[in-house]
Structures are given as C-alpha cells and as structure tokens.
Protein backbone atom coordinates (compact mmCIF):
# COMPACT_ATOMS: atom_id res chain seq x y z
CA MET A 1 70.22 5.80 -120.58
CA LEU A 2 68.38 2.77 -121.23
CA ILE A 3 65.44 3.11 -123.25
CA LEU A 4 63.10 0.01 -123.77
CA ALA A 5 61.20 0.84 -126.89
CA ALA A 6 57.84 -0.89 -127.80
CA THR A 7 57.86 -2.17 -131.57
CA PRO A 8 54.53 -2.49 -133.21
CA ILE A 9 52.77 -6.05 -132.99
CA GLY A 10 51.48 -5.84 -136.55
CA GLN A 11 50.70 -2.55 -138.04
CA VAL A 12 53.71 -0.29 -138.35
CA ALA A 13 51.62 2.47 -138.18
CA ASP A 14 51.16 1.80 -134.55
CA ALA A 15 54.72 2.69 -133.90
CA SER A 16 55.15 5.97 -132.18
CA GLY A 17 57.03 9.32 -133.44
CA ARG A 18 58.94 8.74 -130.08
CA LEU A 19 60.54 5.37 -130.97
CA ALA A 20 61.24 6.91 -134.54
CA ASP A 21 63.17 9.57 -133.10
CA ALA A 22 65.23 7.22 -130.58
CA LEU A 23 66.23 5.13 -133.30
CA VAL A 24 67.68 8.14 -134.96
CA SER A 25 69.21 9.51 -131.94
CA ALA A 26 70.56 6.58 -129.86
CA ASP A 27 73.95 5.92 -129.74
CA VAL A 28 73.43 1.80 -129.52
CA VAL A 29 70.35 0.28 -130.73
CA ALA A 30 70.05 -3.57 -129.57
CA ALA A 31 67.76 -5.72 -131.79
CA GLU A 32 66.62 -9.06 -130.97
CA ASP A 33 66.86 -9.30 -135.06
CA THR A 34 68.90 -6.83 -136.53
CA ARG A 35 67.18 -7.56 -140.15
CA ARG A 36 63.60 -6.69 -138.80
CA LEU A 37 65.15 -3.44 -137.17
CA LYS A 38 66.16 -2.54 -140.56
CA ARG A 39 62.97 -3.09 -142.19
CA LEU A 40 60.91 -1.29 -139.40
CA ALA A 41 63.39 1.66 -139.99
CA SER A 42 62.65 1.63 -143.73
CA ASP A 43 59.00 1.76 -143.03
CA LEU A 44 59.13 4.32 -140.70
CA GLY A 45 61.30 6.48 -143.25
CA VAL A 46 64.34 6.52 -140.91
CA GLU A 47 67.72 5.98 -140.47
CA ILE A 48 69.52 4.45 -137.56
CA GLY A 49 71.96 6.98 -136.38
CA GLY A 50 73.98 4.79 -133.95
CA ARG A 51 75.54 1.38 -133.77
CA VAL A 52 73.63 -1.73 -134.38
CA VAL A 53 74.15 -4.88 -132.33
CA SER A 54 72.30 -7.78 -131.92
CA TYR A 55 70.66 -8.97 -128.45
CA PHE A 56 68.71 -12.34 -128.26
CA GLU A 57 68.31 -15.44 -126.42
CA GLY A 58 71.38 -16.99 -127.71
CA ASN A 59 73.47 -14.22 -126.73
CA GLU A 60 71.98 -12.05 -124.24
CA GLU A 61 74.04 -13.51 -121.35
CA ARG A 62 77.36 -12.73 -123.14
CA ARG A 63 76.44 -9.31 -124.24
CA THR A 64 74.64 -7.75 -121.48
CA PRO A 65 77.95 -7.00 -119.76
CA GLU A 66 79.12 -5.15 -122.88
CA LEU A 67 75.95 -3.07 -123.34
CA ALA A 68 75.97 -2.35 -119.39
CA ALA A 69 79.66 -1.21 -120.15
CA MET A 70 78.41 1.32 -122.88
CA LEU A 71 75.85 2.42 -120.35
CA THR A 72 78.23 3.43 -117.74
CA GLU A 73 80.32 5.10 -120.15
CA GLY A 74 77.30 7.49 -120.85
CA LEU A 75 75.71 6.20 -123.87
CA THR A 76 72.07 5.92 -124.57
CA VAL A 77 71.14 2.55 -125.60
CA VAL A 78 67.85 1.72 -127.13
CA LEU A 79 66.50 -1.84 -126.90
CA VAL A 80 64.15 -3.07 -129.39
CA THR A 81 62.53 -6.75 -129.87
CA ASP A 82 60.55 -8.27 -132.81
CA ALA A 83 57.22 -6.84 -131.44
CA GLY A 84 55.67 -5.56 -128.33
CA MET A 85 57.62 -4.62 -125.21
CA PRO A 86 61.23 -5.82 -124.54
CA SER A 87 61.66 -8.03 -121.44
CA VAL A 88 58.00 -9.35 -121.57
CA SER A 89 58.53 -12.74 -122.89
CA ASP A 90 61.61 -11.23 -124.67
CA PRO A 91 65.11 -10.20 -123.96
CA GLY A 92 65.57 -7.23 -121.97
CA TYR A 93 65.01 -8.20 -118.20
CA ARG A 94 68.91 -8.98 -117.47
CA LEU A 95 69.82 -5.87 -119.06
CA VAL A 96 67.53 -3.68 -116.90
CA VAL A 97 68.97 -5.52 -113.80
CA ALA A 98 72.42 -4.78 -114.74
CA ALA A 99 71.52 -1.28 -115.55
CA ILE A 100 69.66 -0.44 -112.33
CA ALA A 101 72.83 -2.08 -110.60
CA ALA A 102 75.14 0.51 -112.39
CA ASP A 103 73.13 3.20 -111.37
CA VAL A 104 71.90 3.98 -115.02
CA ALA A 105 68.57 5.49 -115.54
CA VAL A 106 66.04 3.01 -117.19
CA THR A 107 62.88 4.23 -119.00
CA ALA A 108 60.30 2.96 -121.77
CA ILE A 109 59.04 4.33 -124.88
CA PRO A 110 55.49 2.80 -124.52
CA GLY A 111 53.69 0.93 -127.42
CA PRO A 112 51.89 -2.01 -128.64
CA SER A 113 51.30 -5.12 -126.37
CA ALA A 114 49.98 -8.44 -127.42
CA VAL A 115 48.99 -9.20 -123.64
CA LEU A 116 46.72 -5.97 -123.40
CA THR A 117 45.37 -6.10 -126.92
CA ALA A 118 44.28 -9.57 -126.41
CA LEU A 119 42.99 -9.00 -122.92
CA ALA A 120 40.74 -6.00 -124.14
CA VAL A 121 39.15 -7.98 -127.23
CA SER A 122 38.98 -11.18 -125.23
CA GLY A 123 35.25 -10.42 -123.68
CA LEU A 124 36.64 -11.88 -120.48
CA PRO A 125 37.08 -9.55 -117.13
CA VAL A 126 39.88 -7.20 -117.22
CA ASP A 127 39.82 -5.59 -113.67
CA ARG A 128 42.22 -7.89 -112.49
CA PHE A 129 44.84 -10.45 -114.52
CA CYS A 130 47.99 -12.17 -114.36
CA PHE A 131 50.57 -13.09 -117.41
CA GLU A 132 51.49 -16.52 -117.66
CA GLY A 133 53.80 -16.31 -120.59
CA PHE A 134 54.29 -19.67 -122.45
CA LEU A 135 53.22 -22.93 -120.88
CA PRO A 136 56.29 -25.70 -120.46
CA ARG A 137 56.68 -27.56 -123.56
CA LYS A 138 56.54 -31.10 -121.55
CA ALA A 139 53.47 -32.65 -120.96
CA GLY A 140 54.01 -33.35 -117.32
CA GLU A 141 55.64 -30.03 -116.46
CA ARG A 142 52.78 -28.46 -118.40
CA THR A 143 49.84 -30.30 -116.38
CA THR A 144 51.93 -29.08 -113.30
CA ALA A 145 51.93 -25.62 -114.00
CA LEU A 146 48.18 -25.48 -115.16
CA THR A 147 47.23 -27.27 -111.73
CA GLU A 148 48.94 -24.60 -109.90
CA LEU A 149 46.62 -22.13 -111.58
CA VAL A 150 43.37 -23.96 -111.11
CA ARG A 151 41.95 -21.81 -108.11
CA GLU A 152 43.49 -18.40 -109.79
CA ARG A 153 40.82 -15.99 -109.75
CA ARG A 154 42.48 -13.73 -112.10
CA THR A 155 41.87 -13.69 -115.77
CA MET A 156 44.95 -15.25 -117.29
CA VAL A 157 46.96 -14.53 -120.46
CA PHE A 158 49.30 -17.11 -121.92
CA PHE A 159 51.63 -16.84 -125.22
CA GLU A 160 51.62 -19.86 -127.20
CA SER A 161 53.33 -21.14 -130.49
CA PRO A 162 50.86 -21.92 -133.53
CA HIS A 163 51.85 -25.36 -133.51
CA ARG A 164 51.06 -25.96 -129.73
CA THR A 165 48.15 -24.18 -129.62
CA GLU A 166 45.63 -27.27 -129.77
CA THR A 167 47.93 -29.17 -127.92
CA SER A 168 47.72 -26.32 -124.79
CA LEU A 169 44.23 -25.55 -125.23
CA ARG A 170 43.48 -29.58 -124.46
CA ALA A 171 45.65 -29.34 -121.74
CA MET A 172 43.75 -26.38 -120.31
CA ALA A 173 40.73 -28.10 -120.96
CA ASP A 174 41.58 -31.11 -118.89
CA VAL A 175 42.91 -29.03 -116.11
CA LEU A 176 41.02 -26.25 -115.63
CA GLY A 177 37.59 -27.54 -117.33
CA GLY A 178 36.35 -27.69 -120.53
CA ASP A 179 33.64 -25.27 -119.81
CA ARG A 180 36.28 -22.60 -118.59
CA PRO A 181 35.64 -19.43 -120.83
CA ALA A 182 38.55 -18.37 -123.19
CA ALA A 183 39.60 -16.83 -126.01
CA VAL A 184 42.06 -17.51 -128.96
CA CYS A 185 43.65 -14.33 -130.48
CA ARG A 186 45.63 -14.76 -133.30
CA GLU A 187 47.57 -12.34 -135.83
CA LEU A 188 46.52 -9.18 -133.69
CA THR A 189 46.28 -6.08 -135.48
CA LYS A 190 47.37 -7.82 -138.54
CA THR A 191 45.31 -8.34 -142.00
CA TYR A 192 44.40 -11.59 -140.91
CA GLU A 193 43.58 -10.84 -137.25
CA GLU A 194 41.04 -13.32 -135.42
CA VAL A 195 39.48 -14.01 -132.11
CA ALA A 196 38.11 -17.08 -131.52
CA ARG A 197 35.78 -17.08 -128.22
CA GLY A 198 34.08 -20.26 -126.29
CA GLY A 199 34.86 -22.79 -123.62
CA LEU A 200 38.25 -24.54 -123.69
CA THR A 201 37.13 -27.79 -124.92
CA GLU A 202 35.29 -25.96 -128.03
CA LEU A 203 38.09 -23.87 -128.53
CA ALA A 204 40.59 -27.05 -128.98
CA GLU A 205 37.98 -28.36 -131.30
CA TRP A 206 38.23 -25.04 -133.30
CA ALA A 207 42.22 -25.33 -133.39
CA ALA A 208 41.84 -29.17 -134.59
CA ALA A 209 39.61 -27.95 -137.42
CA GLN A 210 41.85 -25.47 -138.76
CA GLU A 211 42.87 -27.19 -142.19
CA GLN A 212 46.14 -25.80 -142.37
CA GLY A 213 46.76 -25.47 -138.50
CA VAL A 214 46.64 -22.24 -136.51
CA ARG A 215 48.69 -19.79 -138.03
CA GLY A 216 50.41 -16.74 -136.77
CA GLU A 217 51.29 -15.13 -133.44
CA VAL A 218 49.09 -16.82 -130.87
CA THR A 219 47.95 -14.99 -127.31
CA ILE A 220 45.32 -17.09 -125.26
CA VAL A 221 43.20 -15.55 -122.79
CA VAL A 222 41.52 -17.80 -120.10
CA GLY A 223 38.91 -16.56 -117.72
CA GLY A 224 39.49 -17.04 -113.72
CA ALA A 225 38.22 -19.51 -111.59
CA PRO A 226 34.48 -19.16 -110.54
CA ALA A 227 34.13 -17.90 -106.70
CA GLU A 228 32.26 -20.79 -105.99
CA ALA A 229 35.04 -23.07 -106.71
CA ARG A 230 34.07 -26.50 -104.86
CA THR A 231 36.45 -27.59 -102.06
CA TYR A 232 37.06 -31.45 -101.85
CA GLY A 233 37.11 -33.70 -98.50
CA ARG A 234 39.30 -36.61 -98.16
CA ASP A 235 36.38 -38.85 -99.00
CA ASP A 236 35.70 -36.98 -102.04
CA LEU A 237 38.93 -37.43 -103.40
CA ARG A 238 39.15 -40.91 -102.60
CA ALA A 239 36.14 -41.34 -104.31
CA LEU A 240 37.20 -39.51 -107.33
CA VAL A 241 40.48 -41.49 -107.26
CA ALA A 242 38.58 -45.09 -107.32
CA ALA A 243 36.53 -43.88 -110.03
CA ARG A 244 39.27 -42.99 -112.26
CA GLN A 245 41.08 -46.42 -111.44
CA ALA A 246 37.76 -48.13 -112.39
CA GLU A 247 38.07 -46.29 -115.82
CA GLY A 248 41.21 -48.04 -116.50
CA LEU A 249 44.04 -45.35 -114.86
CA SER A 250 46.77 -46.68 -112.49
CA ARG A 251 46.59 -45.35 -108.94
CA LYS A 252 49.48 -42.92 -109.96
CA ASP A 253 47.71 -41.57 -112.96
CA ALA A 254 44.48 -41.23 -111.40
CA ILE A 255 45.96 -39.28 -108.50
CA GLU A 256 47.41 -36.87 -110.73
CA GLN A 257 44.40 -36.41 -112.84
CA VAL A 258 42.15 -35.68 -109.82
CA ALA A 259 44.75 -33.43 -108.24
CA GLY A 260 44.21 -31.43 -111.70
CA GLU A 261 40.70 -31.57 -111.79
CA THR A 262 40.07 -30.28 -108.15
CA GLY A 263 43.02 -28.05 -107.78
CA THR A 264 44.23 -29.73 -104.67
CA ARG A 265 48.07 -30.71 -103.91
CA LYS A 266 48.82 -34.14 -105.28
CA LYS A 267 50.35 -34.91 -101.79
CA ASP A 268 46.79 -34.27 -100.26
CA VAL A 269 45.18 -36.41 -102.96
CA TYR A 270 47.64 -39.32 -102.48
CA ASP A 271 47.11 -39.23 -98.55
CA ALA A 272 43.25 -39.31 -99.35
CA ALA A 273 43.70 -42.38 -101.58
CA HIS A 274 45.85 -44.22 -99.38
CA SER A 275 43.83 -43.61 -96.06
C-alpha cells in the first residue's frame, strides 16, 4: 500500500495520531527531506520503524520505479513532504500514478493544507475555488498565465516564494486589476502568522514596504472575476491599443497589455488593432 501522509505546515501539534503510527509501522518512509523527517519523528516522540529513503524533485523520476517495485513486493510505503499533502506542488504525483498502474492500493492520511487554510482565513468566497500553484518565474510567461485567468470566476489560490511575492502581486494587479480583492497569507499556523488583505495594488505596496522583504512561506488568495466582467468589441480594443501607443508603448507591447487588461485573446486584439 502507498500512503500519502500530510505533515504539519507549522505547528507540530497539528500532526495526527495516524501520521505518528504510520511512521512507526511503515516498511519504507520516502521523505522530501530526510533531516526534516527525523526532526518531525523526534518532535512526535516516535522512532521510524522501517527504511528511510529520500524522494525529492531532483531524484523523483529515478526513484519512482524503485519505490513502485517495493510496493509490488507487498511493502507499505509512506510518503511525506516537508509540509502539507504530498503531490500538491510537492513530489508524489509520479509515484501515485505508478502505484495505480501496478494495481497497488493508494490511500492518504489527511492533515494540514496551506491551500485550504489560506482559503479559509482569506475572507474571500470559498464555495468555488481553484489552485494554481506557483506562477512562472519569467515575466512573459507569468503574464500569459495570468491573462488566462482574467475571466476565472472562482477564487484562486497561489503559492509563492517570499522574494518573488511583490513581483507577482504587481503582475497580478497589472493583469487582473489593482482593485481585485486578495489576501497574502504568510507563515500560516506558525508563531509569526500574518494575513494581509486588500486590493492587489495595495498588497503589492504592502509587500514593498516590508523592511526585510516578505518572509516565510507565502500563499496568495485572489478573488475571482466579477459576474459583470465587461466584453470588448473590435472598436473598443482598437481604441485601447491606440491609447497605449499614445502613451509610448510599441504596438506589440500595447497589444499584449490590452490583452491582459481585458482578458481578450492576443490574436483578437491583434486583429482589431490591424483592422
């Protein structure tokens, strides 16, 4: 059996009794960071009973067949990551697919989740939401990814590294709108937990004002597009491109910006601008 075991995202007291039992009884424990695993076991007051192996982004592809072979031999493998549920923006998906393909049972020990915790405390609608993981690092790819979300009606949840939080918030403000409501949740469940709420532009300024920069684990929650999102005709798009060009942008950059601002496909803006 493969067991995906959620680990605390901050407070070790959030660990479940089932997690402690699984660490003791498993034949193999695959961990994203074996040092963190040993520290967690120590904090829980348990000794890991089976073999410990590393399973992280750098060796996930190579180690998956090894772990799959152990599973087919009848061993119980527990998979843990540094925090939260394995396979959610963490190693695990490949092993789940391999286990299912080998007709091995897959189950989970539920527990803390930064996605759901941030969503719950954000103050934004929680009836429908989507998880978008990390935005691309490159500016162009990031803008493209956000442009695809302009008309997304569901509340959106993102992970972000602390040193890119301000940049991502500014990109979100440029594409999704500076007044779009959002929340930046950092260090959830930890001693210095903080939730900053406001419009995207306001939050970008908040991030810029942090003397030592935004610190800790960061989850960003962004409200979905309003129901009355405007639709743009060809004349509207052509006028917007012309206005951006008058402000000094090249036609190419103006088309890209208008596409992001309006949630319109870049090709449609291009066709309107050249009509």
